[in-house]
Amino acid sequence: MEVKARIKAFVRRTRQKEKPKPVRENTIISGDMVIEQDNRRVTIAGREIRLTAKEFDVLELLATHPGQVYSREKLLAMVWGADYPGDERTVDVHIRRLREKVEQNSGEPRYVHTKWGMGYYFKE
């Protein structure tokens, strides 16, 4: 009976692992946030979040590489372009506005985090 119970438990555990998340192509899901890259749409808990083009670009870049820290300089070059004449603080302003829109408490972010002295990253 013990062997039978162990086999049932093993089968139950492997079935749970085999069930993949229903993910559409070009869609990033992190917690209750869904980023649809094709139509540039972000929803959190089913509620659509309206982002500017640059805010979406920053969020998409960070979310496609979770945990990777991007410096202001790197974000500026990758999102705005290497020849952008503006200041690096442009990134800070966009990150602040992005957090105001996607975070419940922008002082304690859930998605877009700061690595002090290094840059910004997305946490799943």
PDB file of N, CA and C in Angstrom:
ATOM      1  N   MET A   1       0.823  -1.192   0.000  1.00  0.00           N
ATOM      2  CA  MET A   1       0.000   0.000   0.000  1.00  0.00           C
ATOM      3  C   MET A   1       0.871   1.261   0.000  1.00  0.00           C
ATOM      4  N   GLU A   2       1.998   1.167   0.673  1.00  0.00           N
ATOM      5  CA  GLU A   2       2.891   2.324   0.710  1.00  0.00           C
ATOM      6  C   GLU A   2       3.448   2.620  -0.682  1.00  0.00           C
ATOM      7  N   VAL A   3       3.831   1.592  -1.410  1.00  0.00           N
ATOM      8  CA  VAL A   3       4.350   1.774  -2.768  1.00  0.00           C
ATOM      9  C   VAL A   3       3.278   2.404  -3.650  1.00  0.00           C
ATOM     10  N   LYS A   4       2.063   1.922  -3.532  1.00  0.00           N
ATOM     11  CA  LYS A   4       0.955   2.458  -4.317  1.00  0.00           C
ATOM     12  C   LYS A   4       0.733   3.943  -3.992  1.00  0.00           C
ATOM     13  N   ALA A   5       0.798   4.306  -2.730  1.00  0.00           N
ATOM     14  CA  ALA A   5       0.634   5.699  -2.312  1.00  0.00           C
ATOM     15  C   ALA A   5       1.757   6.568  -2.854  1.00  0.00           C
ATOM     16  N   ARG A   6       2.977   6.058  -2.836  1.00  0.00           N
ATOM     17  CA  ARG A   6       4.118   6.809  -3.367  1.00  0.00           C
ATOM     18  C   ARG A   6       3.983   7.021  -4.869  1.00  0.00           C
ATOM     19  N   ILE A   7       3.524   6.007  -5.588  1.00  0.00           N
ATOM     20  CA  ILE A   7       3.330   6.130  -7.043  1.00  0.00           C
ATOM     21  C   ILE A   7       2.261   7.172  -7.340  1.00  0.00           C
ATOM     22  N   LYS A   8       1.153   7.141  -6.606  1.00  0.00           N
ATOM     23  CA  LYS A   8       0.091   8.131  -6.808  1.00  0.00           C
ATOM     24  C   LYS A   8       0.612   9.545  -6.552  1.00  0.00           C
ATOM     25  N   ALA A   9       1.382   9.721  -5.496  1.00  0.00           N
ATOM     26  CA  ALA A   9       1.942  11.032  -5.178  1.00  0.00           C
ATOM     27  C   ALA A   9       2.892  11.500  -6.272  1.00  0.00           C
ATOM     28  N   PHE A  10       3.713  10.592  -6.768  1.00  0.00           N
ATOM     29  CA  PHE A  10       4.642  10.919  -7.849  1.00  0.00           C
ATOM     30  C   PHE A  10       3.891  11.343  -9.102  1.00  0.00           C
ATOM     31  N   VAL A  11       2.860  10.597  -9.480  1.00  0.00           N
ATOM     32  CA  VAL A  11       2.059  10.921 -10.665  1.00  0.00           C
ATOM     33  C   VAL A  11       1.386  12.282 -10.481  1.00  0.00           C
ATOM     34  N   ARG A  12       0.858  12.537  -9.302  1.00  0.00           N
ATOM     35  CA  ARG A  12       0.189  13.811  -9.028  1.00  0.00           C
ATOM     36  C   ARG A  12       1.170  14.983  -9.163  1.00  0.00           C
ATOM     37  N   ARG A  13       2.376  14.838  -8.635  1.00  0.00           N
ATOM     38  CA  ARG A  13       3.380  15.910  -8.721  1.00  0.00           C
ATOM     39  C   ARG A  13       3.816  16.162 -10.157  1.00  0.00           C
ATOM     40  N   THR A  14       4.028  15.112 -10.929  1.00  0.00           N
ATOM     41  CA  THR A  14       4.481  15.290 -12.312  1.00  0.00           C
ATOM     42  C   THR A  14       3.380  15.884 -13.175  1.00  0.00           C
ATOM     43  N   ARG A  15       2.137  15.579 -12.915  1.00  0.00           N
ATOM     44  CA  ARG A  15       1.027  16.177 -13.678  1.00  0.00           C
ATOM     45  C   ARG A  15       0.968  17.675 -13.442  1.00  0.00           C
ATOM     46  N   GLN A  16       1.193  18.118 -12.216  1.00  0.00           N
ATOM     47  CA  GLN A  16       1.155  19.538 -11.911  1.00  0.00           C
ATOM     48  C   GLN A  16       2.270  20.280 -12.635  1.00  0.00           C
ATOM     49  N   LYS A  17       3.420  19.678 -12.763  1.00  0.00           N
ATOM     50  CA  LYS A  17       4.539  20.322 -13.442  1.00  0.00           C
ATOM     51  C   LYS A  17       4.323  20.390 -14.943  1.00  0.00           C
ATOM     52  N   GLU A  18       3.587  19.454 -15.511  1.00  0.00           N
ATOM     53  CA  GLU A  18       3.390  19.400 -16.946  1.00  0.00           C
ATOM     54  C   GLU A  18       2.400  20.439 -17.448  1.00  0.00           C
ATOM     55  N   LYS A  19       1.582  20.989 -16.580  1.00  0.00           N
ATOM     56  CA  LYS A  19       0.589  21.968 -16.999  1.00  0.00           C
ATOM     57  C   LYS A  19       1.265  23.321 -17.220  1.00  0.00           C
ATOM     58  N   PRO A  20       1.486  23.712 -18.468  1.00  0.00           N
ATOM     59  CA  PRO A  20       2.122  25.006 -18.706  1.00  0.00           C
ATOM     60  C   PRO A  20       1.118  26.147 -18.554  1.00  0.00           C
ATOM     61  N   LYS A  21       1.633  27.337 -18.267  1.00  0.00           N
ATOM     62  CA  LYS A  21       0.780  28.515 -18.218  1.00  0.00           C
ATOM     63  C   LYS A  21       0.266  28.793 -19.626  1.00  0.00           C
ATOM     64  N   PRO A  22      -0.989  29.150 -19.754  1.00  0.00           N
ATOM     65  CA  PRO A  22      -1.480  29.511 -21.079  1.00  0.00           C
ATOM     66  C   PRO A  22      -0.901  30.864 -21.487  1.00  0.00           C
ATOM     67  N   VAL A  23       0.132  30.837 -22.293  1.00  0.00           N
ATOM     68  CA  VAL A  23       0.820  32.054 -22.698  1.00  0.00           C
ATOM     69  C   VAL A  23       0.696  32.223 -24.203  1.00  0.00           C
ATOM     70  N   ARG A  24       0.253  33.376 -24.586  1.00  0.00           N
ATOM     71  CA  ARG A  24       0.198  33.681 -26.006  1.00  0.00           C
ATOM     72  C   ARG A  24       1.574  34.139 -26.465  1.00  0.00           C
ATOM     73  N   GLU A  25       1.814  33.969 -27.738  1.00  0.00           N
ATOM     74  CA  GLU A  25       3.093  34.392 -28.293  1.00  0.00           C
ATOM     75  C   GLU A  25       3.230  35.903 -28.134  1.00  0.00           C
ATOM     76  N   ASN A  26       4.417  36.364 -27.832  1.00  0.00           N
ATOM     77  CA  ASN A  26       4.722  37.782 -27.638  1.00  0.00           C
ATOM     78  C   ASN A  26       3.927  38.398 -26.492  1.00  0.00           C
ATOM     79  N   THR A  27       3.724  37.624 -25.433  1.00  0.00           N
ATOM     80  CA  THR A  27       3.049  38.108 -24.238  1.00  0.00           C
ATOM     81  C   THR A  27       3.920  37.778 -23.038  1.00  0.00           C
ATOM     82  N   ILE A  28       4.109  38.757 -22.177  1.00  0.00           N
ATOM     83  CA  ILE A  28       4.884  38.580 -20.959  1.00  0.00           C
ATOM     84  C   ILE A  28       3.901  38.623 -19.795  1.00  0.00           C
ATOM     85  N   ILE A  29       3.944  37.590 -18.951  1.00  0.00           N
ATOM     86  CA  ILE A  29       3.077  37.545 -17.781  1.00  0.00           C
ATOM     87  C   ILE A  29       3.947  37.503 -16.535  1.00  0.00           C
ATOM     88  N   SER A  30       3.708  38.457 -15.645  1.00  0.00           N
ATOM     89  CA  SER A  30       4.436  38.509 -14.383  1.00  0.00           C
ATOM     90  C   SER A  30       3.432  38.834 -13.291  1.00  0.00           C
ATOM     91  N   GLY A  31       3.109  37.842 -12.477  1.00  0.00           N
ATOM     92  CA  GLY A  31       2.095  38.045 -11.446  1.00  0.00           C
ATOM     93  C   GLY A  31       0.767  38.356 -12.108  1.00  0.00           C
ATOM     94  N   ASP A  32       0.183  39.484 -11.724  1.00  0.00           N
ATOM     95  CA  ASP A  32      -1.088  39.876 -12.344  1.00  0.00           C
ATOM     96  C   ASP A  32      -0.896  40.887 -13.479  1.00  0.00           C
ATOM     97  N   MET A  33       0.364  41.126 -13.873  1.00  0.00           N
ATOM     98  CA  MET A  33       0.649  42.017 -15.000  1.00  0.00           C
ATOM     99  C   MET A  33       0.785  41.213 -16.281  1.00  0.00           C
ATOM    100  N   VAL A  34       0.100  41.673 -17.344  1.00  0.00           N
ATOM    101  CA  VAL A  34       0.193  41.055 -18.661  1.00  0.00           C
ATOM    102  C   VAL A  34       0.632  42.134 -19.638  1.00  0.00           C
ATOM    103  N   ILE A  35       1.739  41.876 -20.323  1.00  0.00           N
ATOM    104  CA  ILE A  35       2.264  42.818 -21.321  1.00  0.00           C
ATOM    105  C   ILE A  35       2.108  42.154 -22.681  1.00  0.00           C
ATOM    106  N   GLU A  36       1.228  42.691 -23.513  1.00  0.00           N
ATOM    107  CA  GLU A  36       1.012  42.186 -24.866  1.00  0.00           C
ATOM    108  C   GLU A  36       1.877  43.018 -25.806  1.00  0.00           C
ATOM    109  N   GLN A  37       2.951  42.415 -26.272  1.00  0.00           N
ATOM    110  CA  GLN A  37       3.925  43.154 -27.072  1.00  0.00           C
ATOM    111  C   GLN A  37       3.393  43.515 -28.456  1.00  0.00           C
ATOM    112  N   ASP A  38       2.596  42.647 -29.059  1.00  0.00           N
ATOM    113  CA  ASP A  38       2.112  42.920 -30.417  1.00  0.00           C
ATOM    114  C   ASP A  38       1.236  44.157 -30.497  1.00  0.00           C
ATOM    115  N   ASN A  39       0.304  44.302 -29.544  1.00  0.00           N
ATOM    116  CA  ASN A  39      -0.569  45.477 -29.592  1.00  0.00           C
ATOM    117  C   ASN A  39      -0.211  46.528 -28.537  1.00  0.00           C
ATOM    118  N   ARG A  40       0.959  46.355 -27.903  1.00  0.00           N
ATOM    119  CA  ARG A  40       1.506  47.334 -26.962  1.00  0.00           C
ATOM    120  C   ARG A  40       0.487  47.690 -25.882  1.00  0.00           C
ATOM    121  N   ARG A  41      -0.032  46.647 -25.238  1.00  0.00           N
ATOM    122  CA  ARG A  41      -1.068  46.802 -24.220  1.00  0.00           C
ATOM    123  C   ARG A  41      -0.583  46.192 -22.905  1.00  0.00           C
ATOM    124  N   VAL A  42      -0.850  46.901 -21.814  1.00  0.00           N
ATOM    125  CA  VAL A  42      -0.485  46.418 -20.483  1.00  0.00           C
ATOM    126  C   VAL A  42      -1.752  46.383 -19.632  1.00  0.00           C
ATOM    127  N   THR A  43      -1.961  45.232 -18.974  1.00  0.00           N
ATOM    128  CA  THR A  43      -3.068  45.126 -18.033  1.00  0.00           C
ATOM    129  C   THR A  43      -2.534  44.597 -16.701  1.00  0.00           C
ATOM    130  N   ILE A  44      -3.132  45.079 -15.634  1.00  0.00           N
ATOM    131  CA  ILE A  44      -2.800  44.599 -14.294  1.00  0.00           C
ATOM    132  C   ILE A  44      -4.116  44.225 -13.632  1.00  0.00           C
ATOM    133  N   ALA A  45      -4.222  42.960 -13.269  1.00  0.00           N
ATOM    134  CA  ALA A  45      -5.450  42.413 -12.660  1.00  0.00           C
ATOM    135  C   ALA A  45      -6.663  42.710 -13.540  1.00  0.00           C
ATOM    136  N   GLY A  46      -6.473  42.609 -14.855  1.00  0.00           N
ATOM    137  CA  GLY A  46      -7.562  42.809 -15.800  1.00  0.00           C
ATOM    138  C   GLY A  46      -7.857  44.257 -16.135  1.00  0.00           C
ATOM    139  N   ARG A  47      -7.182  45.197 -15.485  1.00  0.00           N
ATOM    140  CA  ARG A  47      -7.406  46.626 -15.727  1.00  0.00           C
ATOM    141  C   ARG A  47      -6.325  47.154 -16.658  1.00  0.00           C
ATOM    142  N   GLU A  48      -6.745  47.781 -17.753  1.00  0.00           N
ATOM    143  CA  GLU A  48      -5.773  48.291 -18.726  1.00  0.00           C
ATOM    144  C   GLU A  48      -5.069  49.527 -18.180  1.00  0.00           C
ATOM    145  N   ILE A  49      -3.742  49.555 -18.375  1.00  0.00           N
ATOM    146  CA  ILE A  49      -2.904  50.673 -17.943  1.00  0.00           C
ATOM    147  C   ILE A  49      -2.459  51.415 -19.206  1.00  0.00           C
ATOM    148  N   ARG A  50      -2.735  52.682 -19.264  1.00  0.00           N
ATOM    149  CA  ARG A  50      -2.356  53.478 -20.437  1.00  0.00           C
ATOM    150  C   ARG A  50      -0.942  54.036 -20.243  1.00  0.00           C
ATOM    151  N   LEU A  51      -0.051  53.622 -21.128  1.00  0.00           N
ATOM    152  CA  LEU A  51       1.335  54.071 -21.075  1.00  0.00           C
ATOM    153  C   LEU A  51       1.672  54.849 -22.339  1.00  0.00           C
ATOM    154  N   THR A  52       2.619  55.787 -22.203  1.00  0.00           N
ATOM    155  CA  THR A  52       3.143  56.457 -23.389  1.00  0.00           C
ATOM    156  C   THR A  52       4.032  55.470 -24.138  1.00  0.00           C
ATOM    157  N   ALA A  53       4.409  55.826 -25.349  1.00  0.00           N
ATOM    158  CA  ALA A  53       5.249  54.940 -26.163  1.00  0.00           C
ATOM    159  C   ALA A  53       6.582  54.655 -25.466  1.00  0.00           C
ATOM    160  N   LYS A  54       7.213  55.658 -24.920  1.00  0.00           N
ATOM    161  CA  LYS A  54       8.506  55.463 -24.253  1.00  0.00           C
ATOM    162  C   LYS A  54       8.362  54.680 -22.957  1.00  0.00           C
ATOM    163  N   GLU A  55       7.294  54.934 -22.205  1.00  0.00           N
ATOM    164  CA  GLU A  55       7.064  54.167 -20.982  1.00  0.00           C
ATOM    165  C   GLU A  55       6.901  52.688 -21.318  1.00  0.00           C
ATOM    166  N   PHE A  56       6.129  52.403 -22.379  1.00  0.00           N
ATOM    167  CA  PHE A  56       5.953  51.008 -22.786  1.00  0.00           C
ATOM    168  C   PHE A  56       7.286  50.413 -23.222  1.00  0.00           C
ATOM    169  N   ASP A  57       8.068  51.158 -23.995  1.00  0.00           N
ATOM    170  CA  ASP A  57       9.366  50.649 -24.466  1.00  0.00           C
ATOM    171  C   ASP A  57      10.292  50.305 -23.296  1.00  0.00           C
ATOM    172  N   VAL A  58      10.312  51.164 -22.284  1.00  0.00           N
ATOM    173  CA  VAL A  58      11.157  50.914 -21.111  1.00  0.00           C
ATOM    174  C   VAL A  58      10.664  49.667 -20.377  1.00  0.00           C
ATOM    175  N   LEU A  59       9.350  49.591 -20.129  1.00  0.00           N
ATOM    176  CA  LEU A  59       8.782  48.436 -19.429  1.00  0.00           C
ATOM    177  C   LEU A  59       9.020  47.146 -20.205  1.00  0.00           C
ATOM    178  N   GLU A  60       8.813  47.184 -21.501  1.00  0.00           N
ATOM    179  CA  GLU A  60       9.017  45.997 -22.336  1.00  0.00           C
ATOM    180  C   GLU A  60      10.467  45.529 -22.281  1.00  0.00           C
ATOM    181  N   LEU A  61      11.403  46.455 -22.394  1.00  0.00           N
ATOM    182  CA  LEU A  61      12.817  46.096 -22.346  1.00  0.00           C
ATOM    183  C   LEU A  61      13.174  45.457 -21.005  1.00  0.00           C
ATOM    184  N   LEU A  62      12.741  46.076 -19.915  1.00  0.00           N
ATOM    185  CA  LEU A  62      13.051  45.541 -18.597  1.00  0.00           C
ATOM    186  C   LEU A  62      12.371  44.181 -18.374  1.00  0.00           C
ATOM    187  N   ALA A  63      11.115  44.047 -18.799  1.00  0.00           N
ATOM    188  CA  ALA A  63      10.360  42.812 -18.555  1.00  0.00           C
ATOM    189  C   ALA A  63      10.841  41.649 -19.409  1.00  0.00           C
ATOM    190  N   THR A  64      11.400  41.923 -20.577  1.00  0.00           N
ATOM    191  CA  THR A  64      11.903  40.833 -21.415  1.00  0.00           C
ATOM    192  C   THR A  64      13.227  40.286 -20.885  1.00  0.00           C
ATOM    193  N   HIS A  65      13.870  41.022 -19.980  1.00  0.00           N
ATOM    194  CA  HIS A  65      15.124  40.580 -19.364  1.00  0.00           C
ATOM    195  C   HIS A  65      15.034  40.765 -17.850  1.00  0.00           C
ATOM    196  N   PRO A  66      14.145  40.004 -17.184  1.00  0.00           N
ATOM    197  CA  PRO A  66      13.968  40.203 -15.736  1.00  0.00           C
ATOM    198  C   PRO A  66      15.250  39.932 -14.963  1.00  0.00           C
ATOM    199  N   GLY A  67      15.483  40.783 -13.988  1.00  0.00           N
ATOM    200  CA  GLY A  67      16.666  40.630 -13.143  1.00  0.00           C
ATOM    201  C   GLY A  67      17.912  41.301 -13.691  1.00  0.00           C
ATOM    202  N   GLN A  68      17.924  41.628 -14.968  1.00  0.00           N
ATOM    203  CA  GLN A  68      19.096  42.280 -15.556  1.00  0.00           C
ATOM    204  C   GLN A  68      19.035  43.774 -15.262  1.00  0.00           C
ATOM    205  N   VAL A  69      20.107  44.316 -14.722  1.00  0.00           N
ATOM    206  CA  VAL A  69      20.163  45.725 -14.349  1.00  0.00           C
ATOM    207  C   VAL A  69      20.639  46.545 -15.553  1.00  0.00           C
ATOM    208  N   TYR A  70      19.870  47.599 -15.843  1.00  0.00           N
ATOM    209  CA  TYR A  70      20.211  48.511 -16.940  1.00  0.00           C
ATOM    210  C   TYR A  70      20.548  49.878 -16.364  1.00  0.00           C
ATOM    211  N   SER A  71      21.704  50.391 -16.716  1.00  0.00           N
ATOM    212  CA  SER A  71      22.093  51.725 -16.265  1.00  0.00           C
ATOM    213  C   SER A  71      21.286  52.764 -17.030  1.00  0.00           C
ATOM    214  N   ARG A  72      21.288  54.006 -16.529  1.00  0.00           N
ATOM    215  CA  ARG A  72      20.607  55.090 -17.240  1.00  0.00           C
ATOM    216  C   ARG A  72      21.149  55.230 -18.654  1.00  0.00           C
ATOM    217  N   GLU A  73      22.481  55.163 -18.774  1.00  0.00           N
ATOM    218  CA  GLU A  73      23.113  55.328 -20.078  1.00  0.00           C
ATOM    219  C   GLU A  73      22.653  54.248 -21.060  1.00  0.00           C
ATOM    220  N   LYS A  74      22.586  53.010 -20.580  1.00  0.00           N
ATOM    221  CA  LYS A  74      22.195  51.900 -21.448  1.00  0.00           C
ATOM    222  C   LYS A  74      20.727  52.014 -21.851  1.00  0.00           C
ATOM    223  N   LEU A  75      19.852  52.350 -20.890  1.00  0.00           N
ATOM    224  CA  LEU A  75      18.442  52.547 -21.219  1.00  0.00           C
ATOM    225  C   LEU A  75      18.258  53.684 -22.212  1.00  0.00           C
ATOM    226  N   LEU A  76      18.982  54.763 -21.989  1.00  0.00           N
ATOM    227  CA  LEU A  76      18.896  55.908 -22.894  1.00  0.00           C
ATOM    228  C   LEU A  76      19.306  55.509 -24.306  1.00  0.00           C
ATOM    229  N   ALA A  77      20.386  54.762 -24.429  1.00  0.00           N
ATOM    230  CA  ALA A  77      20.858  54.331 -25.756  1.00  0.00           C
ATOM    231  C   ALA A  77      19.901  53.335 -26.403  1.00  0.00           C
ATOM    232  N   MET A  78      19.357  52.398 -25.616  1.00  0.00           N
ATOM    233  CA  MET A  78      18.519  51.345 -26.189  1.00  0.00           C
ATOM    234  C   MET A  78      17.097  51.808 -26.500  1.00  0.00           C
ATOM    235  N   VAL A  79      16.541  52.693 -25.691  1.00  0.00           N
ATOM    236  CA  VAL A  79      15.155  53.123 -25.891  1.00  0.00           C
ATOM    237  C   VAL A  79      15.078  54.416 -26.709  1.00  0.00           C
ATOM    238  N   TRP A  80      15.912  55.388 -26.400  1.00  0.00           N
ATOM    239  CA  TRP A  80      15.851  56.670 -27.087  1.00  0.00           C
ATOM    240  C   TRP A  80      16.794  56.735 -28.283  1.00  0.00           C
ATOM    241  N   GLY A  81      17.799  55.891 -28.310  1.00  0.00           N
ATOM    242  CA  GLY A  81      18.768  55.905 -29.403  1.00  0.00           C
ATOM    243  C   GLY A  81      20.076  56.529 -28.960  1.00  0.00           C
ATOM    244  N   ALA A  82      21.150  56.047 -29.535  1.00  0.00           N
ATOM    245  CA  ALA A  82      22.488  56.480 -29.138  1.00  0.00           C
ATOM    246  C   ALA A  82      22.723  57.969 -29.395  1.00  0.00           C
ATOM    247  N   ASP A  83      22.033  58.532 -30.365  1.00  0.00           N
ATOM    248  CA  ASP A  83      22.256  59.939 -30.713  1.00  0.00           C
ATOM    249  C   ASP A  83      21.259  60.888 -30.034  1.00  0.00           C
ATOM    250  N   TYR A  84      20.559  60.411 -29.013  1.00  0.00           N
ATOM    251  CA  TYR A  84      19.587  61.249 -28.302  1.00  0.00           C
ATOM    252  C   TYR A  84      20.330  62.373 -27.594  1.00  0.00           C
ATOM    253  N   PRO A  85      19.949  63.638 -27.837  1.00  0.00           N
ATOM    254  CA  PRO A  85      20.688  64.761 -27.259  1.00  0.00           C
ATOM    255  C   PRO A  85      20.301  65.093 -25.816  1.00  0.00           C
ATOM    256  N   GLY A  86      19.285  64.432 -25.268  1.00  0.00           N
ATOM    257  CA  GLY A  86      18.793  64.770 -23.929  1.00  0.00           C
ATOM    258  C   GLY A  86      19.686  64.271 -22.811  1.00  0.00           C
ATOM    259  N   ASP A  87      19.250  64.565 -21.606  1.00  0.00           N
ATOM    260  CA  ASP A  87      19.979  64.238 -20.384  1.00  0.00           C
ATOM    261  C   ASP A  87      19.624  62.835 -19.899  1.00  0.00           C
ATOM    262  N   GLU A  88      20.526  62.220 -19.141  1.00  0.00           N
ATOM    263  CA  GLU A  88      20.280  60.894 -18.569  1.00  0.00           C
ATOM    264  C   GLU A  88      19.121  60.903 -17.583  1.00  0.00           C
ATOM    265  N   ARG A  89      18.824  62.030 -16.994  1.00  0.00           N
ATOM    266  CA  ARG A  89      17.731  62.133 -16.022  1.00  0.00           C
ATOM    267  C   ARG A  89      16.371  61.938 -16.684  1.00  0.00           C
ATOM    268  N   THR A  90      16.317  61.982 -18.011  1.00  0.00           N
ATOM    269  CA  THR A  90      15.096  61.663 -18.744  1.00  0.00           C
ATOM    270  C   THR A  90      14.624  60.268 -18.360  1.00  0.00           C
ATOM    271  N   VAL A  91      15.555  59.356 -18.191  1.00  0.00           N
ATOM    272  CA  VAL A  91      15.230  57.980 -17.809  1.00  0.00           C
ATOM    273  C   VAL A  91      14.567  57.971 -16.440  1.00  0.00           C
ATOM    274  N   ASP A  92      15.103  58.728 -15.484  1.00  0.00           N
ATOM    275  CA  ASP A  92      14.536  58.780 -14.142  1.00  0.00           C
ATOM    276  C   ASP A  92      13.086  59.261 -14.170  1.00  0.00           C
ATOM    277  N   VAL A  93      12.817  60.278 -14.968  1.00  0.00           N
ATOM    278  CA  VAL A  93      11.468  60.823 -15.063  1.00  0.00           C
ATOM    279  C   VAL A  93      10.504  59.778 -15.628  1.00  0.00           C
ATOM    280  N   HIS A  94      10.933  59.074 -16.678  1.00  0.00           N
ATOM    281  CA  HIS A  94      10.078  58.053 -17.283  1.00  0.00           C
ATOM    282  C   HIS A  94       9.856  56.870 -16.332  1.00  0.00           C
ATOM    283  N   ILE A  95      10.882  56.484 -15.606  1.00  0.00           N
ATOM    284  CA  ILE A  95      10.740  55.402 -14.627  1.00  0.00           C
ATOM    285  C   ILE A  95       9.762  55.824 -13.528  1.00  0.00           C
ATOM    286  N   ARG A  96       9.877  57.068 -13.052  1.00  0.00           N
ATOM    287  CA  ARG A  96       8.973  57.555 -12.008  1.00  0.00           C
ATOM    288  C   ARG A  96       7.525  57.528 -12.488  1.00  0.00           C
ATOM    289  N   ARG A  97       7.286  58.018 -13.700  1.00  0.00           N
ATOM    290  CA  ARG A  97       5.924  58.035 -14.253  1.00  0.00           C
ATOM    291  C   ARG A  97       5.413  56.622 -14.507  1.00  0.00           C
ATOM    292  N   LEU A  98       6.294  55.745 -14.960  1.00  0.00           N
ATOM    293  CA  LEU A  98       5.916  54.346 -15.184  1.00  0.00           C
ATOM    294  C   LEU A  98       5.502  53.696 -13.869  1.00  0.00           C
ATOM    295  N   ARG A  99       6.284  53.921 -12.827  1.00  0.00           N
ATOM    296  CA  ARG A  99       5.955  53.366 -11.509  1.00  0.00           C
ATOM    297  C   ARG A  99       4.630  53.905 -10.989  1.00  0.00           C
ATOM    298  N   GLU A 100       4.369  55.192 -11.208  1.00  0.00           N
ATOM    299  CA  GLU A 100       3.105  55.772 -10.756  1.00  0.00           C
ATOM    300  C   GLU A 100       1.914  55.074 -11.408  1.00  0.00           C
ATOM    301  N   LYS A 101       2.114  54.565 -12.612  1.00  0.00           N
ATOM    302  CA  LYS A 101       1.021  53.924 -13.339  1.00  0.00           C
ATOM    303  C   LYS A 101       0.887  52.434 -13.045  1.00  0.00           C
ATOM    304  N   VAL A 102       2.000  51.718 -12.862  1.00  0.00           N
ATOM    305  CA  VAL A 102       1.921  50.258 -12.731  1.00  0.00           C
ATOM    306  C   VAL A 102       2.058  49.748 -11.307  1.00  0.00           C
ATOM    307  N   GLU A 103       2.542  50.562 -10.405  1.00  0.00           N
ATOM    308  CA  GLU A 103       2.750  50.115  -9.028  1.00  0.00           C
ATOM    309  C   GLU A 103       1.620  50.618  -8.137  1.00  0.00           C
ATOM    310  N   GLN A 104       1.198  49.800  -7.189  1.00  0.00           N
ATOM    311  CA  GLN A 104       0.201  50.244  -6.214  1.00  0.00           C
ATOM    312  C   GLN A 104       0.804  51.301  -5.302  1.00  0.00           C
ATOM    313  N   ASN A 105       2.048  51.070  -4.903  1.00  0.00           N
ATOM    314  CA  ASN A 105       2.776  52.014  -4.069  1.00  0.00           C
ATOM    315  C   ASN A 105       4.126  52.225  -4.732  1.00  0.00           C
ATOM    316  N   SER A 106       4.305  53.360  -5.388  1.00  0.00           N
ATOM    317  CA  SER A 106       5.552  53.580  -6.134  1.00  0.00           C
ATOM    318  C   SER A 106       6.764  53.673  -5.221  1.00  0.00           C
ATOM    319  N   GLY A 107       6.551  53.894  -3.920  1.00  0.00           N
ATOM    320  CA  GLY A 107       7.650  53.917  -2.960  1.00  0.00           C
ATOM    321  C   GLY A 107       8.167  52.518  -2.634  1.00  0.00           C
ATOM    322  N   GLU A 108       7.299  51.526  -2.798  1.00  0.00           N
ATOM    323  CA  GLU A 108       7.665  50.121  -2.591  1.00  0.00           C
ATOM    324  C   GLU A 108       7.283  49.342  -3.844  1.00  0.00           C
ATOM    325  N   PRO A 109       8.074  49.448  -4.906  1.00  0.00           N
ATOM    326  CA  PRO A 109       7.705  48.854  -6.192  1.00  0.00           C
ATOM    327  C   PRO A 109       7.676  47.330  -6.171  1.00  0.00           C
ATOM    328  N   ARG A 110       6.772  46.785  -6.961  1.00  0.00           N
ATOM    329  CA  ARG A 110       6.659  45.336  -7.117  1.00  0.00           C
ATOM    330  C   ARG A 110       7.335  44.871  -8.403  1.00  0.00           C
ATOM    331  N   TYR A 111       7.306  45.698  -9.424  1.00  0.00           N
ATOM    332  CA  TYR A 111       7.818  45.298 -10.735  1.00  0.00           C
ATOM    333  C   TYR A 111       9.132  45.989 -11.109  1.00  0.00           C
ATOM    334  N   VAL A 112       9.140  47.306 -11.145  1.00  0.00           N
ATOM    335  CA  VAL A 112      10.315  48.069 -11.598  1.00  0.00           C
ATOM    336  C   VAL A 112      11.099  48.524 -10.371  1.00  0.00           C
ATOM    337  N   HIS A 113      12.302  47.974 -10.231  1.00  0.00           N
ATOM    338  CA  HIS A 113      13.126  48.231  -9.051  1.00  0.00           C
ATOM    339  C   HIS A 113      14.384  49.030  -9.412  1.00  0.00           C
ATOM    340  N   THR A 114      14.956  49.633  -8.389  1.00  0.00           N
ATOM    341  CA  THR A 114      16.206  50.376  -8.532  1.00  0.00           C
ATOM    342  C   THR A 114      17.315  49.601  -7.843  1.00  0.00           C
ATOM    343  N   LYS A 115      18.425  49.439  -8.531  1.00  0.00           N
ATOM    344  CA  LYS A 115      19.647  48.904  -7.927  1.00  0.00           C
ATOM    345  C   LYS A 115      20.521  50.134  -7.707  1.00  0.00           C
ATOM    346  N   TRP A 116      20.556  50.593  -6.462  1.00  0.00           N
ATOM    347  CA  TRP A 116      21.204  51.860  -6.147  1.00  0.00           C
ATOM    348  C   TRP A 116      22.636  51.914  -6.680  1.00  0.00           C
ATOM    349  N   GLY A 117      22.904  53.012  -7.367  1.00  0.00           N
ATOM    350  CA  GLY A 117      24.234  53.240  -7.916  1.00  0.00           C
ATOM    351  C   GLY A 117      24.493  52.497  -9.227  1.00  0.00           C
ATOM    352  N   MET A 118      23.536  51.681  -9.670  1.00  0.00           N
ATOM    353  CA  MET A 118      23.746  50.891 -10.889  1.00  0.00           C
ATOM    354  C   MET A 118      22.686  51.146 -11.948  1.00  0.00           C
ATOM    355  N   GLY A 119      21.402  51.067 -11.590  1.00  0.00           N
ATOM    356  CA  GLY A 119      20.374  51.271 -12.591  1.00  0.00           C
ATOM    357  C   GLY A 119      19.036  50.663 -12.184  1.00  0.00           C
ATOM    358  N   TYR A 120      18.278  50.217 -13.182  1.00  0.00           N
ATOM    359  CA  TYR A 120      16.918  49.726 -12.980  1.00  0.00           C
ATOM    360  C   TYR A 120      16.793  48.297 -13.497  1.00  0.00           C
ATOM    361  N   TYR A 121      15.851  47.561 -12.874  1.00  0.00           N
ATOM    362  CA  TYR A 121      15.599  46.178 -13.313  1.00  0.00           C
ATOM    363  C   TYR A 121      14.147  45.811 -13.046  1.00  0.00           C
ATOM    364  N   PHE A 122      13.685  44.762 -13.704  1.00  0.00           N
ATOM    365  CA  PHE A 122      12.327  44.244 -13.557  1.00  0.00           C
ATOM    366  C   PHE A 122      12.388  42.983 -12.732  1.00  0.00           C
ATOM    367  N   LYS A 123      11.523  42.881 -11.745  1.00  0.00           N
ATOM    368  CA  LYS A 123      11.492  41.711 -10.897  1.00  0.00           C
ATOM    369  C   LYS A 123      10.183  40.974 -11.117  1.00  0.00           C
ATOM    370  N   GLU A 124      10.278  39.683 -11.446  1.00  0.00           N
ATOM    371  CA  GLU A 124       9.079  38.872 -11.684  1.00  0.00           C
ATOM    372  C   GLU A 124       8.385  38.558 -10.401  1.00  0.00           C
TER     373      GLU A 124
END
